[in-house]
Each structure stands twice: as C-alpha cells, then as structure tokens.
C-alpha cells in the first residue's frame, strides 16, 4: 500500500507500508516515525538502508515512547508522543527499509 502523505525525503521514490503495518499502526504513529527520520537527516547523518523503531506504551501516562536507531553510522534517538484515547497504540518494532528504488515500513516479524 503506497502512502503519499508520509514522504521521507520528499522525492519521487515510492513509499509503501505492508498490510501488517496498515492494519495495526495508526498513521499518526507513522508520521511521528517519519519526523524522527527527518531529524536524523537534518543532523547531517547519512541514513542507513535499515531504520529501526522500537515502540512501547507507558500505560499510566498514555504516552508512546519511540526509540529510533540505525547501525551504520551508529545512531540512536528517543522521543515520545501523547496519544489521544481514539488512537490505538502499537507496542513492537517497526523497520523502515530504503533500497534506493522504494521505501517500506514493515513490522519486524514481516522482515
């Protein structure tokens, strides 16, 4: 499934999300992940082909904590998003793969 709204580098490379992501991860959460990708780029760090997002919910505060990492070059950034009650949180790991021809969000178990 292509998603035009979540442009990472704002270029013509097609971006996709798997059915697994589309069925359980709210677009607000994906937009936050894309914002974190843009932070990486704004710091002048070359993005690796594989970006990893670990999402965990703080139930007491209804805050979704997101840890964004990549291996080469080594990078780690943490952020959070306060979710309204109408958005179902996702606890788990997401991958964002950029192979040069297209980019894809997928759940870790879909890799």
C-alpha atoms as a PDB file:
ATOM      1  CA  UNK A   1       0.000   0.000   0.000  1.00  0.00           C
ATOM      2  CA  UNK A   2       1.550   3.310  -1.054  1.00  0.00           C
ATOM      3  CA  UNK A   3       1.330   6.272   1.279  1.00  0.00           C
ATOM      4  CA  UNK A   4       1.929   9.683  -0.257  1.00  0.00           C
ATOM      5  CA  UNK A   5       1.457  11.669   2.933  1.00  0.00           C
ATOM      6  CA  UNK A   6       4.472  10.165   4.691  1.00  0.00           C
ATOM      7  CA  UNK A   7       7.264  11.376   2.438  1.00  0.00           C
ATOM      8  CA  UNK A   8      10.700  10.843   3.998  1.00  0.00           C
ATOM      9  CA  UNK A   9      12.987  12.721   1.606  1.00  0.00           C
ATOM     10  CA  UNK A  10      10.248  14.456  -0.428  1.00  0.00           C
ATOM     11  CA  UNK A  11      11.492  12.938  -3.674  1.00  0.00           C
ATOM     12  CA  UNK A  12       9.813  10.722  -6.275  1.00  0.00           C
ATOM     13  CA  UNK A  13      10.869   7.372  -4.751  1.00  0.00           C
ATOM     14  CA  UNK A  14       7.703   5.343  -3.969  1.00  0.00           C
ATOM     15  CA  UNK A  15       6.995   4.686  -0.305  1.00  0.00           C
ATOM     16  CA  UNK A  16       4.969   1.730   0.980  1.00  0.00           C
ATOM     17  CA  UNK A  17       3.705   0.078   4.123  1.00  0.00           C
ATOM     18  CA  UNK A  18       2.914  -3.592   4.491  1.00  0.00           C
ATOM     19  CA  UNK A  19      -0.599  -4.817   5.207  1.00  0.00           C
ATOM     20  CA  UNK A  20       0.543  -5.672   8.720  1.00  0.00           C
ATOM     21  CA  UNK A  21       1.573  -2.076   9.362  1.00  0.00           C
ATOM     22  CA  UNK A  22      -1.548  -0.668   7.705  1.00  0.00           C
ATOM     23  CA  UNK A  23      -3.772  -2.863   9.870  1.00  0.00           C
ATOM     24  CA  UNK A  24      -2.250  -2.134  13.313  1.00  0.00           C
ATOM     25  CA  UNK A  25      -0.191   1.082  13.209  1.00  0.00           C
ATOM     26  CA  UNK A  26      -2.124   4.339  13.170  1.00  0.00           C
ATOM     27  CA  UNK A  27      -0.922   6.913  10.598  1.00  0.00           C
ATOM     28  CA  UNK A  28      -0.193   9.403  13.409  1.00  0.00           C
ATOM     29  CA  UNK A  29       2.426   6.985  14.741  1.00  0.00           C
ATOM     30  CA  UNK A  30       3.973   6.550  11.280  1.00  0.00           C
ATOM     31  CA  UNK A  31       4.094  10.314  10.815  1.00  0.00           C
ATOM     32  CA  UNK A  32       5.987  10.605  14.122  1.00  0.00           C
ATOM     33  CA  UNK A  33       8.475   7.979  12.875  1.00  0.00           C
ATOM     34  CA  UNK A  34       8.946   9.935   9.641  1.00  0.00           C
ATOM     35  CA  UNK A  35       9.543  13.104  11.671  1.00  0.00           C
ATOM     36  CA  UNK A  36      12.264  11.232  13.557  1.00  0.00           C
ATOM     37  CA  UNK A  37      13.800  10.182  10.225  1.00  0.00           C
ATOM     38  CA  UNK A  38      13.848  13.828   9.206  1.00  0.00           C
ATOM     39  CA  UNK A  39      15.660  14.711  12.459  1.00  0.00           C
ATOM     40  CA  UNK A  40      18.371  12.211  11.503  1.00  0.00           C
ATOM     41  CA  UNK A  41      18.683  13.795   8.059  1.00  0.00           C
ATOM     42  CA  UNK A  42      18.686  17.357   9.489  1.00  0.00           C
ATOM     43  CA  UNK A  43      21.660  16.425  11.703  1.00  0.00           C
ATOM     44  CA  UNK A  44      23.643  15.655   8.553  1.00  0.00           C
ATOM     45  CA  UNK A  45      23.804  11.938   9.319  1.00  0.00           C
ATOM     46  CA  UNK A  46      23.701   9.622   6.317  1.00  0.00           C
ATOM     47  CA  UNK A  47      20.714   7.280   6.696  1.00  0.00           C
ATOM     48  CA  UNK A  48      21.395   3.547   6.633  1.00  0.00           C
ATOM     49  CA  UNK A  49      19.201   1.372   4.411  1.00  0.00           C
ATOM     50  CA  UNK A  50      17.550  -0.046   7.569  1.00  0.00           C
ATOM     51  CA  UNK A  51      15.967   2.186  10.197  1.00  0.00           C
ATOM     52  CA  UNK A  52      14.605   0.583  13.382  1.00  0.00           C
ATOM     53  CA  UNK A  53      11.820   1.975  15.562  1.00  0.00           C
ATOM     54  CA  UNK A  54      11.017   0.360  18.915  1.00  0.00           C
ATOM     55  CA  UNK A  55       7.640   1.479  20.226  1.00  0.00           C
ATOM     56  CA  UNK A  56       6.485   0.959  23.812  1.00  0.00           C
ATOM     57  CA  UNK A  57       3.486   2.385  25.613  1.00  0.00           C
ATOM     58  CA  UNK A  58       3.659   3.957  29.064  1.00  0.00           C
ATOM     59  CA  UNK A  59       0.135   2.939  30.105  1.00  0.00           C
ATOM     60  CA  UNK A  60      -0.081   5.265  33.122  1.00  0.00           C
ATOM     61  CA  UNK A  61       0.677   8.366  31.039  1.00  0.00           C
ATOM     62  CA  UNK A  62      -0.800   7.107  27.736  1.00  0.00           C
ATOM     63  CA  UNK A  63       2.475   8.093  26.078  1.00  0.00           C
ATOM     64  CA  UNK A  64       4.060   6.095  23.286  1.00  0.00           C
ATOM     65  CA  UNK A  65       7.856   6.049  23.619  1.00  0.00           C
ATOM     66  CA  UNK A  66       9.774   5.624  20.352  1.00  0.00           C
ATOM     67  CA  UNK A  67      13.450   4.701  20.066  1.00  0.00           C
ATOM     68  CA  UNK A  68      14.893   5.207  16.578  1.00  0.00           C
ATOM     69  CA  UNK A  69      18.201   3.518  15.720  1.00  0.00           C
ATOM     70  CA  UNK A  70      20.402   2.617  12.798  1.00  0.00           C
ATOM     71  CA  UNK A  71      23.673   0.683  12.651  1.00  0.00           C
ATOM     72  CA  UNK A  72      25.834   2.484  10.081  1.00  0.00           C
ATOM     73  CA  UNK A  73      26.681   5.126  11.144  1.00  0.00           C
ATOM     74  CA  UNK A  74      25.632   4.366  14.696  1.00  0.00           C
ATOM     75  CA  UNK A  75      22.630   6.478  15.682  1.00  0.00           C
ATOM     76  CA  UNK A  76      20.025   6.481  18.450  1.00  0.00           C
ATOM     77  CA  UNK A  77      17.291   8.988  19.219  1.00  0.00           C
ATOM     78  CA  UNK A  78      14.369   8.751  21.627  1.00  0.00           C
ATOM     79  CA  UNK A  79      11.108  10.658  21.509  1.00  0.00           C
ATOM     80  CA  UNK A  80       7.538  10.218  22.632  1.00  0.00           C
ATOM     81  CA  UNK A  81       4.050  11.067  21.539  1.00  0.00           C
ATOM     82  CA  UNK A  82       0.987  11.549  23.715  1.00  0.00           C
ATOM     83  CA  UNK A  83      -1.799   9.548  22.120  1.00  0.00           C
ATOM     84  CA  UNK A  84      -5.451  10.528  22.347  1.00  0.00           C
ATOM     85  CA  UNK A  85      -7.729   7.725  23.516  1.00  0.00           C
ATOM     86  CA  UNK A  86      -9.121   7.281  19.972  1.00  0.00           C
ATOM     87  CA  UNK A  87      -5.695   6.088  18.693  1.00  0.00           C
ATOM     88  CA  UNK A  88      -4.761   2.510  19.470  1.00  0.00           C
ATOM     89  CA  UNK A  89      -1.055   2.301  20.380  1.00  0.00           C
ATOM     90  CA  UNK A  90       1.308  -0.183  18.811  1.00  0.00           C
ATOM     91  CA  UNK A  91       3.868  -1.944  21.011  1.00  0.00           C
ATOM     92  CA  UNK A  92       6.598  -3.537  18.959  1.00  0.00           C
ATOM     93  CA  UNK A  93       9.342  -2.975  16.452  1.00  0.00           C
ATOM     94  CA  UNK A  94       8.999  -1.357  13.033  1.00  0.00           C
ATOM     95  CA  UNK A  95      11.545  -1.337  10.229  1.00  0.00           C
ATOM     96  CA  UNK A  96      11.867   1.282   7.505  1.00  0.00           C
ATOM     97  CA  UNK A  97      13.858  -0.086   4.572  1.00  0.00           C
ATOM     98  CA  UNK A  98      15.227   2.115   1.800  1.00  0.00           C
ATOM     99  CA  UNK A  99      16.672   0.054  -1.055  1.00  0.00           C
ATOM    100  CA  UNK A 100      17.133   3.060  -3.352  1.00  0.00           C
ATOM    101  CA  UNK A 101      14.183   2.194  -5.612  1.00  0.00           C
ATOM    102  CA  UNK A 102      11.470   2.301  -2.952  1.00  0.00           C
ATOM    103  CA  UNK A 103      10.971   2.618   0.796  1.00  0.00           C
ATOM    104  CA  UNK A 104       8.855   0.396   3.005  1.00  0.00           C
ATOM    105  CA  UNK A 105       7.527   0.408   6.571  1.00  0.00           C
ATOM    106  CA  UNK A 106       7.089  -3.122   7.943  1.00  0.00           C
ATOM    107  CA  UNK A 107       6.662  -4.843  11.278  1.00  0.00           C
ATOM    108  CA  UNK A 108       9.785  -6.679  12.484  1.00  0.00           C
ATOM    109  CA  UNK A 109       8.066 -10.059  12.189  1.00  0.00           C
ATOM    110  CA  UNK A 110       7.398  -9.328   8.496  1.00  0.00           C
ATOM    111  CA  UNK A 111      11.113  -8.930   7.691  1.00  0.00           C
END
